[in-house]
Protein backbone atom coordinates (compact mmCIF):
# COMPACT_ATOMS: atom_id res chain seq x y z
CA MET A 1 0.02 0.19 0.26
CA PRO A 2 2.18 2.65 -1.76
CA ASP A 3 0.03 5.68 -0.42
CA LEU A 4 0.04 4.43 3.86
CA MET A 5 3.17 5.07 4.90
CA HIS A 6 2.73 5.28 8.71
CA GLU A 7 0.99 1.90 8.38
CA MET A 8 3.88 0.80 6.84
CA LEU A 9 6.07 2.38 9.43
CA GLU A 10 4.18 0.38 12.10
CA GLN A 11 4.11 -2.63 10.76
CA LYS A 12 7.56 -3.41 8.78
CA ILE A 13 9.56 -3.18 11.90
CA ASN A 14 8.37 -6.79 12.63
CA HIS A 15 10.36 -8.28 9.54
CA PRO A 16 13.71 -7.06 11.61
CA LYS A 17 11.94 -8.24 14.49
CA SER A 18 11.65 -11.79 12.92
CA GLY A 19 15.37 -11.80 12.01
CA ALA A 20 15.08 -10.48 8.69
CA ASN A 21 17.92 -8.06 7.45
CA THR A 22 16.11 -6.82 4.40
CA ALA A 23 12.60 -6.53 3.45
CA TRP A 24 10.25 -5.49 0.60
CA VAL A 25 8.78 -2.14 0.29
CA PRO A 26 6.87 -0.37 -2.51
CA SER A 27 9.06 3.00 -3.18
CA PRO A 28 12.23 4.85 -2.16
CA THR A 29 10.36 6.77 0.46
CA ALA A 30 9.39 3.46 2.10
CA ALA A 31 12.62 2.46 1.76
CA THR A 32 14.03 5.41 3.70
CA LEU A 33 11.19 5.13 6.35
CA HIS A 34 12.35 1.16 6.85
CA ALA A 35 15.71 2.02 7.16
CA LEU A 36 14.84 3.25 10.78
CA HIS A 37 13.96 0.15 11.78
CA TYR A 38 17.08 -1.03 11.50
CA HIS A 39 18.25 1.62 13.97
CA GLU A 40 15.78 0.34 16.65
CA ILE A 41 16.43 -3.44 16.06
CA ASN A 42 19.67 -5.20 16.15
CA VAL A 43 18.77 -7.87 13.53
CA PHE A 44 22.40 -9.88 14.29
CA ASP A 45 21.32 -10.28 17.89
CA ILE A 46 17.72 -11.73 16.72
CA GLN A 47 19.08 -13.96 14.51
CA LYS A 48 21.49 -15.24 17.11
CA ASN A 49 18.57 -16.08 19.37
CA LYS A 50 17.15 -18.12 16.79
CA SER A 51 19.61 -20.06 15.75
CA ASN A 52 19.84 -21.14 19.81
CA ASP A 53 15.93 -21.85 20.10
CA SER A 54 14.35 -25.37 19.67
CA ASN A 55 12.15 -24.52 16.67
CA ASN A 56 12.54 -26.70 13.60
CA TYR A 57 12.05 -23.81 11.06
CA LEU A 58 13.15 -26.03 8.16
CA ASN A 59 10.15 -28.33 8.48
CA ASP A 60 7.92 -25.10 9.11
CA ILE A 61 8.43 -23.90 5.27
CA LEU A 62 8.45 -27.34 3.28
CA PHE A 63 5.13 -28.24 5.15
CA VAL A 64 2.46 -27.77 2.58
CA PRO A 65 -0.88 -26.91 4.28
CA VAL A 66 -3.50 -29.17 2.38
CA SER A 67 -7.24 -28.57 2.86
CA LYS A 68 -9.26 -32.11 3.03
CA GLY A 69 -12.51 -30.96 2.06
CA HIS A 70 -13.71 -27.62 3.08
CA ASN A 71 -16.22 -25.98 4.88
CA TRP A 72 -16.43 -22.11 3.45
CA SER A 73 -19.32 -20.91 2.95
CA GLN A 74 -20.72 -19.68 -0.52
CA GLU A 75 -20.13 -16.36 0.82
CA GLU A 76 -16.71 -16.63 1.65
CA ILE A 77 -15.89 -18.44 -1.62
CA GLN A 78 -17.54 -15.29 -3.74
CA LYS A 79 -15.76 -13.01 -1.27
CA GLU A 80 -12.11 -14.80 -2.07
CA MET A 81 -12.91 -15.51 -6.02
CA ASP A 82 -14.05 -10.96 -6.17
CA ASN A 83 -11.00 -10.19 -4.64
CA ASN A 84 -8.71 -12.35 -6.49
CA ALA A 85 -10.84 -11.55 -10.06
CA GLN A 86 -10.03 -8.33 -9.31
CA GLY A 87 -6.69 -8.07 -8.64
CA ILE A 88 -5.95 -9.79 -11.95
CA LEU A 89 -8.30 -7.84 -14.16
CA GLY A 90 -6.65 -4.14 -12.39
CA TYR A 91 -3.19 -5.62 -13.64
CA VAL A 92 -3.88 -7.50 -16.63
CA VAL A 93 -5.65 -4.78 -18.06
CA ARG A 94 -2.73 -2.15 -17.59
CA TRP A 95 0.01 -4.94 -18.66
CA ILE A 96 -1.98 -5.75 -21.77
CA ASP A 97 -3.32 -2.16 -23.18
CA GLN A 98 -0.45 -0.04 -21.81
CA GLY A 99 2.41 -1.92 -21.22
CA VAL A 100 2.47 -1.06 -17.57
CA GLY A 101 4.60 -4.50 -16.15
CA CYS A 102 4.41 -2.85 -12.00
CA SER A 103 1.79 -0.16 -10.85
CA LYS A 104 -0.20 1.01 -7.87
CA VAL A 105 -3.50 -0.55 -8.87
CA PRO A 106 -6.80 -0.04 -6.58
CA ASP A 107 -7.77 -3.09 -5.12
CA ILE A 108 -11.47 -4.31 -4.46
CA ASN A 109 -11.79 -1.57 -2.05
CA ASN A 110 -10.01 0.98 -3.72
CA ILE A 111 -6.84 1.17 -1.93
CA GLY A 112 -3.88 1.72 -4.33
CA LEU A 113 -1.63 -1.72 -4.12
CA MET A 114 1.65 -2.27 -5.80
CA GLU A 115 0.90 -5.13 -8.21
CA ASP A 116 3.31 -6.79 -10.22
CA ARG A 117 3.68 -10.22 -12.11
CA ALA A 118 4.41 -11.87 -8.69
CA THR A 119 1.22 -11.17 -7.24
CA CYS A 120 -0.73 -11.90 -10.44
CA ARG A 121 0.48 -15.08 -10.58
CA ILE A 122 -0.60 -15.78 -6.78
CA SER A 123 -4.11 -14.69 -7.59
CA SER A 124 -4.32 -16.74 -10.80
CA GLN A 125 -3.29 -19.77 -9.39
CA HIS A 126 -5.13 -19.71 -6.47
CA LEU A 127 -8.23 -19.13 -8.70
CA CYS A 128 -6.90 -21.96 -10.54
CA ASN A 129 -6.48 -24.36 -7.89
CA TRP A 130 -10.09 -23.91 -6.34
CA LEU A 131 -11.47 -24.09 -9.87
CA LYS A 132 -9.80 -27.57 -10.45
CA HIS A 133 -10.62 -28.76 -7.11
CA GLY A 134 -14.33 -28.07 -7.51
CA ILE A 135 -14.40 -25.17 -5.03
CA PHE A 136 -16.08 -23.08 -7.79
CA SER A 137 -17.43 -23.98 -11.54
CA LYS A 138 -15.94 -22.45 -14.51
CA ASN A 139 -19.42 -20.61 -15.27
CA GLN A 140 -18.79 -18.77 -11.79
CA LEU A 141 -15.47 -18.00 -12.79
CA VAL A 142 -16.69 -16.38 -15.98
CA GLU A 143 -19.42 -14.61 -14.38
CA THR A 144 -17.22 -13.27 -11.64
CA MET A 145 -14.59 -11.98 -14.08
CA LYS A 146 -17.37 -10.34 -15.75
CA LYS A 147 -18.65 -8.67 -12.48
CA MET A 148 -15.29 -7.39 -11.42
CA ALA A 149 -14.37 -6.20 -15.10
CA LYS A 150 -17.01 -3.81 -14.72
CA VAL A 151 -15.55 -2.87 -11.12
CA VAL A 152 -12.09 -2.57 -12.75
CA ASP A 153 -13.69 -0.37 -15.79
CA GLU A 154 -15.53 2.14 -13.53
CA GLN A 155 -12.31 2.16 -11.35
CA ASN A 156 -10.30 3.80 -14.30
CA LYS A 157 -12.94 5.72 -15.92
CA HIS A 158 -10.62 9.11 -15.46
CA ASP A 159 -7.87 7.35 -17.64
CA ARG A 160 -7.82 8.83 -20.79
CA ASN A 161 -5.93 5.74 -22.36
CA TYR A 162 -7.84 2.79 -20.45
CA ILE A 163 -9.85 0.16 -22.74
CA PRO A 164 -13.17 -0.70 -21.01
CA MET A 165 -13.16 -4.52 -20.85
CA SER A 166 -17.00 -5.04 -20.51
CA LYS A 167 -18.23 -2.90 -23.25
CA ASP A 168 -17.51 -6.14 -25.25
CA PHE A 169 -15.86 -8.90 -23.03
CA ASP A 170 -15.35 -11.09 -26.76
CA LYS A 171 -13.12 -8.19 -28.18
CA SER A 172 -11.38 -7.71 -24.76
CA ILE A 173 -8.14 -8.87 -25.33
CA ALA A 174 -6.84 -8.32 -21.88
CA PHE A 175 -10.46 -10.05 -20.21
CA LYS A 176 -9.42 -12.76 -22.36
CA ALA A 177 -5.72 -13.09 -20.98
CA SER A 178 -7.39 -12.52 -17.38
CA LEU A 179 -9.71 -15.95 -17.86
CA ASP A 180 -6.86 -17.55 -19.36
CA LEU A 181 -4.19 -17.31 -16.61
CA VAL A 182 -7.17 -18.93 -14.49
CA LEU A 183 -8.34 -21.86 -17.04
CA GLU A 184 -4.84 -22.38 -18.24
CA GLY A 185 -2.91 -21.94 -14.67
CA ASP A 186 -2.70 -25.95 -14.67
CA ILE A 187 -0.98 -26.41 -17.63
CA SER A 188 1.49 -23.47 -17.88
CA PRO A 189 5.20 -24.16 -17.30
CA SER A 190 5.42 -23.40 -13.41
CA GLY A 191 2.19 -21.41 -13.18
CA TYR A 192 4.08 -18.54 -14.69
CA THR A 193 2.21 -15.60 -16.28
CA GLU A 194 4.79 -14.44 -18.84
CA PRO A 195 3.64 -16.65 -22.05
CA ILE A 196 -0.14 -15.70 -21.58
CA LEU A 197 0.71 -11.86 -20.78
CA HIS A 198 3.22 -11.62 -23.82
CA LYS A 199 1.14 -13.32 -26.57
CA SER A 200 -1.64 -11.50 -25.57
CA ARG A 201 0.05 -7.95 -25.31
CA LEU A 202 1.64 -8.86 -29.11
CA GLN A 203 -1.66 -9.72 -29.99
CA LEU A 204 -3.10 -5.93 -29.08
CA LYS A 205 0.13 -4.19 -30.57
CA SER A 206 -0.47 -5.96 -34.15
CA MET A 207 -3.94 -4.96 -34.28
CA PRO A 208 -4.78 -1.79 -36.41
CA ASP A 209 -5.44 1.24 -34.63
């Protein structure tokens, strides 16, 4: 959340407190603020203490949490679908139509988040996983994507270079790419987003003005 610097200043101190000698920040301003944390916390002392405890951190990071069945309500499932679909569409439409690969994208609550292909990959693989395991249907996915495309269109209505997706879903390359990231997520190499994004961007650039 690049605009919420005070919140970042409060939260990022947890990184050095956990023994991290670096952390991802969304801007040079944030990096300058985060540097203050390392004047407050001696990371080497934290790391030394953790090296002497009895916790098996290797087992923790290698353990894959698997849900055996689920007890999520339909409301919870739909909320998760909406959130991930909006994130995918908001990022992909700028990538495909404007060539912007990393930018501040409004989330479902209109809070600007720094989005890149890593976050796009997480969201698309999340939905792909749930689709493959029958948590929701393909029809539900398509309807959710169409609904959230209208939300993204509204969020970008003041951008003169923006091309609305919901005017014609069948002709929107950005919308189709967003959908393909989920539908083809289980056959894409390592779940990577690059092939679909690059193919769709080239397709748009080859179209006559």
